[in-house]
Amino acid sequence: MANKNKTGKYAKEETSPKTGFAIPAENYKLMLAGLGIIVLGFILMVGGGSDDPNVFKEEELFSFRRIDLSSIIVVLGFAFEVYAIMKKPKKSDDSDK
């Protein structure tokens, strides 16, 4: 139970700060890989424009790569990010030392 100070209010209990990161280093590496997958998907969306404003290149703009493939890769990248955040770290076994 918290102790009352001189003013009669409850004082906050002192706790030692936790050291280290909230997420293990392995998870950060996986998160960077997921970010790379997302960036790859957005890079695949780029392009399809025309130098001449009077010409519309429907085949380039609405290609499978820009519409379907890139969207699937971006969604998979976000799913991989969720996995990277939720992945539990492996427990180190000190008994084999």
N, C-alpha and C. Protein backbone atom coordinates (compact mmCIF):
# COMPACT_ATOMS: atom_id res chain seq x y z
N MET A 1 0.84 -1.17 0.00
CA MET A 1 0.00 0.00 0.00
C MET A 1 0.88 1.24 0.00
N ALA A 2 0.46 2.30 -0.65
CA ALA A 2 1.25 3.51 -0.74
C ALA A 2 1.22 4.25 0.60
N ASN A 3 2.28 4.92 0.91
CA ASN A 3 2.39 5.67 2.16
C ASN A 3 1.91 7.10 1.95
N LYS A 4 1.29 7.65 3.01
CA LYS A 4 0.86 9.04 2.95
C LYS A 4 2.06 9.93 3.27
N ASN A 5 2.18 11.03 2.52
CA ASN A 5 3.25 11.97 2.84
C ASN A 5 2.73 13.01 3.82
N LYS A 6 3.49 14.05 4.09
CA LYS A 6 3.14 15.05 5.10
C LYS A 6 1.86 15.81 4.77
N THR A 7 1.54 15.94 3.51
CA THR A 7 0.34 16.68 3.13
C THR A 7 -0.91 15.82 3.20
N GLY A 8 -0.76 14.54 3.48
CA GLY A 8 -1.91 13.66 3.59
C GLY A 8 -2.27 12.98 2.28
N LYS A 9 -1.53 13.30 1.23
CA LYS A 9 -1.78 12.66 -0.05
C LYS A 9 -0.91 11.43 -0.18
N TYR A 10 -1.38 10.50 -0.98
CA TYR A 10 -0.61 9.29 -1.20
C TYR A 10 0.56 9.58 -2.13
N ALA A 11 1.72 9.13 -1.76
CA ALA A 11 2.91 9.30 -2.59
C ALA A 11 3.01 8.13 -3.56
N LYS A 12 3.50 8.44 -4.73
CA LYS A 12 3.69 7.38 -5.73
C LYS A 12 4.88 6.54 -5.31
N GLU A 13 4.74 5.24 -5.50
CA GLU A 13 5.83 4.35 -5.15
C GLU A 13 6.92 4.44 -6.20
N GLU A 14 8.14 4.46 -5.74
CA GLU A 14 9.28 4.51 -6.65
C GLU A 14 9.50 3.13 -7.25
N THR A 15 9.61 3.07 -8.54
CA THR A 15 9.91 1.81 -9.20
C THR A 15 11.15 2.01 -10.05
N SER A 16 11.93 0.98 -10.15
CA SER A 16 13.14 1.10 -10.96
C SER A 16 12.76 0.97 -12.43
N PRO A 17 13.36 1.79 -13.29
CA PRO A 17 13.02 1.71 -14.71
C PRO A 17 13.52 0.41 -15.33
N LYS A 18 12.76 -0.11 -16.27
CA LYS A 18 13.17 -1.33 -16.95
C LYS A 18 14.25 -0.99 -17.96
N THR A 19 15.18 -1.89 -18.10
CA THR A 19 16.23 -1.67 -19.07
C THR A 19 15.95 -2.49 -20.32
N GLY A 20 16.46 -2.04 -21.44
CA GLY A 20 16.27 -2.77 -22.69
C GLY A 20 15.07 -2.25 -23.46
N PHE A 21 14.87 -2.86 -24.62
CA PHE A 21 13.78 -2.48 -25.49
C PHE A 21 12.54 -3.31 -25.19
N ALA A 22 11.39 -2.79 -25.59
CA ALA A 22 10.14 -3.51 -25.39
C ALA A 22 10.04 -4.71 -26.32
N ILE A 23 10.68 -4.60 -27.48
CA ILE A 23 10.65 -5.67 -28.47
C ILE A 23 12.08 -6.16 -28.67
N PRO A 24 12.31 -7.46 -28.74
CA PRO A 24 13.68 -7.97 -28.93
C PRO A 24 14.28 -7.54 -30.27
N ALA A 25 15.60 -7.58 -30.35
CA ALA A 25 16.31 -7.14 -31.56
C ALA A 25 15.93 -7.96 -32.78
N GLU A 26 15.67 -9.25 -32.58
CA GLU A 26 15.27 -10.10 -33.71
C GLU A 26 13.98 -9.61 -34.34
N ASN A 27 13.05 -9.13 -33.51
CA ASN A 27 11.78 -8.63 -34.02
C ASN A 27 11.99 -7.34 -34.82
N TYR A 28 12.93 -6.50 -34.38
CA TYR A 28 13.22 -5.28 -35.13
C TYR A 28 13.77 -5.61 -36.51
N LYS A 29 14.59 -6.64 -36.60
CA LYS A 29 15.13 -7.06 -37.90
C LYS A 29 14.00 -7.55 -38.79
N LEU A 30 13.07 -8.31 -38.23
CA LEU A 30 11.92 -8.77 -39.00
C LEU A 30 11.04 -7.60 -39.44
N MET A 31 10.92 -6.60 -38.58
CA MET A 31 10.12 -5.43 -38.93
C MET A 31 10.76 -4.66 -40.08
N LEU A 32 12.09 -4.57 -40.09
CA LEU A 32 12.77 -3.92 -41.20
C LEU A 32 12.57 -4.70 -42.50
N ALA A 33 12.58 -6.02 -42.41
CA ALA A 33 12.32 -6.84 -43.59
C ALA A 33 10.89 -6.60 -44.09
N GLY A 34 9.94 -6.50 -43.19
CA GLY A 34 8.56 -6.22 -43.57
C GLY A 34 8.43 -4.85 -44.23
N LEU A 35 9.17 -3.88 -43.70
CA LEU A 35 9.16 -2.55 -44.31
C LEU A 35 9.72 -2.61 -45.72
N GLY A 36 10.75 -3.42 -45.92
CA GLY A 36 11.30 -3.60 -47.26
C GLY A 36 10.29 -4.21 -48.22
N ILE A 37 9.51 -5.16 -47.74
CA ILE A 37 8.47 -5.79 -48.57
C ILE A 37 7.41 -4.76 -48.96
N ILE A 38 7.03 -3.91 -48.01
CA ILE A 38 6.03 -2.87 -48.29
C ILE A 38 6.57 -1.87 -49.31
N VAL A 39 7.82 -1.45 -49.14
CA VAL A 39 8.43 -0.51 -50.08
C VAL A 39 8.51 -1.14 -51.48
N LEU A 40 8.86 -2.42 -51.55
CA LEU A 40 8.91 -3.11 -52.84
C LEU A 40 7.55 -3.07 -53.52
N GLY A 41 6.49 -3.29 -52.75
CA GLY A 41 5.14 -3.24 -53.32
C GLY A 41 4.80 -1.86 -53.87
N PHE A 42 5.19 -0.81 -53.16
CA PHE A 42 4.92 0.54 -53.64
C PHE A 42 5.78 0.88 -54.85
N ILE A 43 7.00 0.36 -54.90
CA ILE A 43 7.85 0.60 -56.07
C ILE A 43 7.23 -0.06 -57.30
N LEU A 44 6.63 -1.24 -57.12
CA LEU A 44 5.97 -1.91 -58.24
C LEU A 44 4.75 -1.13 -58.75
N MET A 45 4.16 -0.29 -57.91
CA MET A 45 3.02 0.52 -58.34
C MET A 45 3.43 1.71 -59.21
N VAL A 46 4.69 2.10 -59.14
CA VAL A 46 5.15 3.31 -59.82
C VAL A 46 5.16 3.10 -61.32
N GLY A 47 4.88 4.17 -62.05
CA GLY A 47 4.99 4.15 -63.50
C GLY A 47 3.64 4.16 -64.18
N GLY A 48 3.70 3.93 -65.48
CA GLY A 48 2.47 3.87 -66.27
C GLY A 48 2.05 5.20 -66.84
N GLY A 49 2.84 6.24 -66.57
CA GLY A 49 2.49 7.55 -67.10
C GLY A 49 2.88 7.69 -68.55
N SER A 50 2.50 8.80 -69.13
CA SER A 50 2.81 9.06 -70.53
C SER A 50 3.45 10.44 -70.64
N ASP A 51 4.40 10.57 -71.55
CA ASP A 51 5.02 11.87 -71.77
C ASP A 51 4.08 12.83 -72.49
N ASP A 52 3.23 12.28 -73.32
CA ASP A 52 2.28 13.09 -74.08
C ASP A 52 0.94 13.07 -73.34
N PRO A 53 0.43 14.25 -72.92
CA PRO A 53 -0.84 14.26 -72.17
C PRO A 53 -2.05 13.85 -73.01
N ASN A 54 -1.90 13.81 -74.33
CA ASN A 54 -3.02 13.42 -75.20
C ASN A 54 -3.08 11.92 -75.42
N VAL A 55 -2.09 11.18 -74.92
CA VAL A 55 -2.05 9.73 -75.12
C VAL A 55 -2.32 9.03 -73.79
N PHE A 56 -3.28 8.12 -73.81
CA PHE A 56 -3.60 7.34 -72.61
C PHE A 56 -3.22 5.90 -72.85
N LYS A 57 -2.23 5.40 -72.10
CA LYS A 57 -1.76 4.03 -72.27
C LYS A 57 -2.42 3.13 -71.23
N GLU A 58 -3.58 2.63 -71.62
CA GLU A 58 -4.37 1.82 -70.69
C GLU A 58 -3.65 0.53 -70.30
N GLU A 59 -2.94 -0.09 -71.23
CA GLU A 59 -2.24 -1.34 -70.95
C GLU A 59 -1.17 -1.17 -69.88
N GLU A 60 -0.47 -0.03 -69.91
CA GLU A 60 0.58 0.21 -68.93
C GLU A 60 0.00 0.60 -67.57
N LEU A 61 -0.98 1.45 -67.58
CA LEU A 61 -1.54 1.95 -66.33
C LEU A 61 -2.28 0.87 -65.55
N PHE A 62 -3.06 0.06 -66.26
CA PHE A 62 -3.87 -0.96 -65.60
C PHE A 62 -3.26 -2.35 -65.78
N SER A 63 -1.96 -2.45 -65.70
CA SER A 63 -1.30 -3.74 -65.88
C SER A 63 -1.44 -4.58 -64.61
N PHE A 64 -1.22 -5.88 -64.77
CA PHE A 64 -1.31 -6.82 -63.65
C PHE A 64 -0.32 -6.43 -62.55
N ARG A 65 0.87 -6.00 -62.94
CA ARG A 65 1.91 -5.66 -61.96
C ARG A 65 1.48 -4.49 -61.08
N ARG A 66 0.92 -3.45 -61.67
CA ARG A 66 0.57 -2.25 -60.90
C ARG A 66 -0.72 -2.41 -60.08
N ILE A 67 -1.66 -3.15 -60.59
CA ILE A 67 -2.95 -3.26 -59.91
C ILE A 67 -2.98 -4.43 -58.93
N ASP A 68 -2.62 -5.60 -59.38
CA ASP A 68 -2.80 -6.80 -58.57
C ASP A 68 -1.55 -7.18 -57.76
N LEU A 69 -0.45 -7.38 -58.46
CA LEU A 69 0.76 -7.88 -57.81
C LEU A 69 1.26 -6.93 -56.72
N SER A 70 1.32 -5.65 -57.02
CA SER A 70 1.84 -4.70 -56.04
C SER A 70 0.92 -4.61 -54.81
N SER A 71 -0.37 -4.66 -55.01
CA SER A 71 -1.32 -4.60 -53.89
C SER A 71 -1.17 -5.83 -52.99
N ILE A 72 -1.02 -6.98 -53.61
CA ILE A 72 -0.84 -8.22 -52.83
C ILE A 72 0.45 -8.16 -52.03
N ILE A 73 1.52 -7.66 -52.63
CA ILE A 73 2.80 -7.58 -51.93
C ILE A 73 2.72 -6.60 -50.76
N VAL A 74 2.04 -5.48 -50.93
CA VAL A 74 1.90 -4.51 -49.84
C VAL A 74 1.10 -5.13 -48.68
N VAL A 75 0.02 -5.81 -48.99
CA VAL A 75 -0.79 -6.44 -47.93
C VAL A 75 0.02 -7.52 -47.22
N LEU A 76 0.78 -8.32 -47.98
CA LEU A 76 1.64 -9.33 -47.35
C LEU A 76 2.71 -8.68 -46.48
N GLY A 77 3.22 -7.53 -46.90
CA GLY A 77 4.20 -6.81 -46.09
C GLY A 77 3.61 -6.36 -44.76
N PHE A 78 2.38 -5.85 -44.79
CA PHE A 78 1.74 -5.44 -43.54
C PHE A 78 1.43 -6.65 -42.65
N ALA A 79 1.04 -7.76 -43.26
CA ALA A 79 0.80 -8.98 -42.48
C ALA A 79 2.11 -9.46 -41.85
N PHE A 80 3.21 -9.36 -42.59
CA PHE A 80 4.51 -9.73 -42.05
C PHE A 80 4.91 -8.81 -40.90
N GLU A 81 4.55 -7.54 -40.99
CA GLU A 81 4.82 -6.59 -39.89
C GLU A 81 4.08 -7.01 -38.62
N VAL A 82 2.84 -7.43 -38.75
CA VAL A 82 2.07 -7.88 -37.59
C VAL A 82 2.74 -9.11 -36.98
N TYR A 83 3.16 -10.04 -37.84
CA TYR A 83 3.87 -11.22 -37.36
C TYR A 83 5.16 -10.82 -36.63
N ALA A 84 5.90 -9.88 -37.21
CA ALA A 84 7.18 -9.47 -36.61
C ALA A 84 6.97 -8.83 -35.24
N ILE A 85 5.90 -8.12 -35.07
CA ILE A 85 5.63 -7.48 -33.77
C ILE A 85 5.15 -8.51 -32.75
N MET A 86 4.32 -9.45 -33.18
CA MET A 86 3.72 -10.40 -32.25
C MET A 86 4.60 -11.61 -31.94
N LYS A 87 5.66 -11.84 -32.71
CA LYS A 87 6.50 -13.02 -32.53
C LYS A 87 7.16 -12.99 -31.15
N LYS A 88 7.01 -14.09 -30.44
CA LYS A 88 7.61 -14.19 -29.12
C LYS A 88 9.08 -14.56 -29.26
N PRO A 89 9.93 -13.98 -28.43
CA PRO A 89 11.35 -14.31 -28.52
C PRO A 89 11.61 -15.72 -28.02
N LYS A 90 12.66 -16.32 -28.57
CA LYS A 90 13.04 -17.65 -28.10
C LYS A 90 13.63 -17.52 -26.71
N LYS A 91 13.27 -18.46 -25.85
CA LYS A 91 13.81 -18.45 -24.48
C LYS A 91 15.20 -19.04 -24.52
N SER A 92 16.14 -18.34 -23.89
CA SER A 92 17.51 -18.87 -23.85
C SER A 92 17.61 -19.88 -22.72
N ASP A 93 18.18 -21.01 -23.02
CA ASP A 93 18.33 -22.09 -22.04
C ASP A 93 19.75 -22.04 -21.48
N ASP A 94 19.87 -21.63 -20.23
CA ASP A 94 21.19 -21.49 -19.61
C ASP A 94 21.72 -22.81 -19.07
N SER A 95 20.93 -23.87 -19.15
CA SER A 95 21.36 -25.15 -18.57
C SER A 95 22.42 -25.84 -19.42
N ASP A 96 22.55 -25.47 -20.71
CA ASP A 96 23.53 -26.13 -21.57
C ASP A 96 24.91 -25.47 -21.51
N LYS A 97 25.08 -24.45 -20.71
CA LYS A 97 26.39 -23.79 -20.60
C LYS A 97 27.31 -24.48 -19.66
